[in-house]
């Protein structure tokens, strides 16, 4: 799932453009003015009121099992698909 402070309209346009097939949660000021959702996931940048670029893996029960907040938006700080799949495998093995 992706979470952004953008509006629902913006999230849908982004998903359509990038052909993303997973859900995107819109946590724009009109929907989450107090930033409770971003705070709950621990990804809120309180100074800017924005979500920090992060990876969060949630298990079937809704428990956050993995979280990695990117130190910057630079390409070198992206986690590879392989790294993320390895985290999913670890979670599945522990279950």
Protein backbone atom coordinates (compact mmCIF):
# COMPACT_ATOMS: atom_id res chain seq x y z
CA UNK A 1 0.00 0.00 0.00
CA UNK A 2 1.22 3.48 -0.72
CA UNK A 3 0.41 6.45 1.50
CA UNK A 4 0.75 10.06 0.48
CA UNK A 5 -0.47 13.46 1.61
CA UNK A 6 -1.90 13.97 -1.86
CA UNK A 7 -5.61 14.04 -2.60
CA UNK A 8 -7.58 11.00 -3.72
CA UNK A 9 -7.76 12.47 -7.25
CA UNK A 10 -3.98 12.94 -7.35
CA UNK A 11 -3.34 9.41 -6.05
CA UNK A 12 -5.62 7.91 -8.71
CA UNK A 13 -3.93 9.93 -11.48
CA UNK A 14 -0.50 8.78 -10.24
CA UNK A 15 -1.60 5.14 -10.06
CA UNK A 16 -3.11 5.31 -13.54
CA UNK A 17 0.02 6.94 -14.97
CA UNK A 18 2.45 4.49 -13.34
CA UNK A 19 0.11 1.49 -13.73
CA UNK A 20 0.36 0.70 -10.01
CA UNK A 21 -1.90 -2.20 -9.05
CA UNK A 22 -1.69 -1.93 -5.26
CA UNK A 23 -3.82 0.41 -3.11
CA UNK A 24 -2.75 3.99 -2.52
CA UNK A 25 -4.06 5.75 0.57
CA UNK A 26 -4.64 9.47 0.20
CA UNK A 27 -3.91 11.25 3.48
CA UNK A 28 -4.23 14.80 2.18
CA UNK A 29 -5.04 17.66 4.51
CA UNK A 30 -8.67 17.44 3.42
CA UNK A 31 -8.79 13.80 4.58
CA UNK A 32 -6.31 13.69 7.48
CA UNK A 33 -5.86 17.28 8.66
CA UNK A 34 -4.27 16.23 11.97
CA UNK A 35 -1.94 13.72 10.28
CA UNK A 36 -3.09 10.85 12.52
CA UNK A 37 -2.57 8.23 9.79
CA UNK A 38 0.98 9.32 9.01
CA UNK A 39 1.78 9.53 12.72
CA UNK A 40 0.33 6.06 13.36
CA UNK A 41 2.67 4.58 10.76
CA UNK A 42 5.59 6.61 12.14
CA UNK A 43 6.33 8.27 8.80
CA UNK A 44 5.26 11.86 9.52
CA UNK A 45 7.80 14.62 9.03
CA UNK A 46 6.28 17.00 11.59
CA UNK A 47 8.25 20.06 10.45
CA UNK A 48 6.93 19.82 6.89
CA UNK A 49 3.65 18.01 7.61
CA UNK A 50 4.49 15.44 4.92
CA UNK A 51 5.09 11.73 4.78
CA UNK A 52 8.74 10.70 4.74
CA UNK A 53 9.52 8.28 1.91
CA UNK A 54 9.23 4.91 3.59
CA UNK A 55 8.68 1.21 3.08
CA UNK A 56 6.18 -0.45 5.41
CA UNK A 57 5.21 -4.12 5.27
CA UNK A 58 2.03 -5.06 7.11
CA UNK A 59 1.03 -8.67 7.81
CA UNK A 60 -2.40 -10.23 7.29
CA UNK A 61 -3.45 -9.27 10.82
CA UNK A 62 -2.64 -5.60 10.18
CA UNK A 63 0.56 -5.52 12.23
CA UNK A 64 3.50 -3.51 10.92
CA UNK A 65 6.27 -6.09 10.52
CA UNK A 66 8.87 -4.03 8.66
CA UNK A 67 9.52 -0.32 8.26
CA UNK A 68 12.38 1.49 6.60
CA UNK A 69 12.37 5.26 6.30
CA UNK A 70 14.54 6.49 3.46
CA UNK A 71 17.19 9.00 4.59
CA UNK A 72 16.67 10.99 1.38
CA UNK A 73 14.79 10.92 -1.90
CA UNK A 74 17.96 10.05 -3.83
CA UNK A 75 17.91 6.96 -6.00
CA UNK A 76 20.71 5.35 -3.99
CA UNK A 77 18.40 5.29 -0.96
CA UNK A 78 15.79 3.14 -2.70
CA UNK A 79 15.43 -0.41 -1.45
CA UNK A 80 15.57 -2.95 -4.23
CA UNK A 81 12.63 -5.16 -5.05
CA UNK A 82 14.81 -8.10 -4.03
CA UNK A 83 15.49 -6.59 -0.60
CA UNK A 84 11.78 -5.98 -0.03
CA UNK A 85 10.86 -9.49 -1.18
CA UNK A 86 13.47 -10.89 1.22
CA UNK A 87 11.78 -9.02 4.06
CA UNK A 88 8.40 -10.50 3.03
CA UNK A 89 9.96 -13.98 2.98
CA UNK A 90 11.35 -13.47 6.50
CA UNK A 91 7.91 -12.40 7.72
CA UNK A 92 6.24 -15.39 6.05
CA UNK A 93 8.77 -17.80 7.57
CA UNK A 94 8.22 -16.37 11.05
CA UNK A 95 4.43 -16.72 10.76
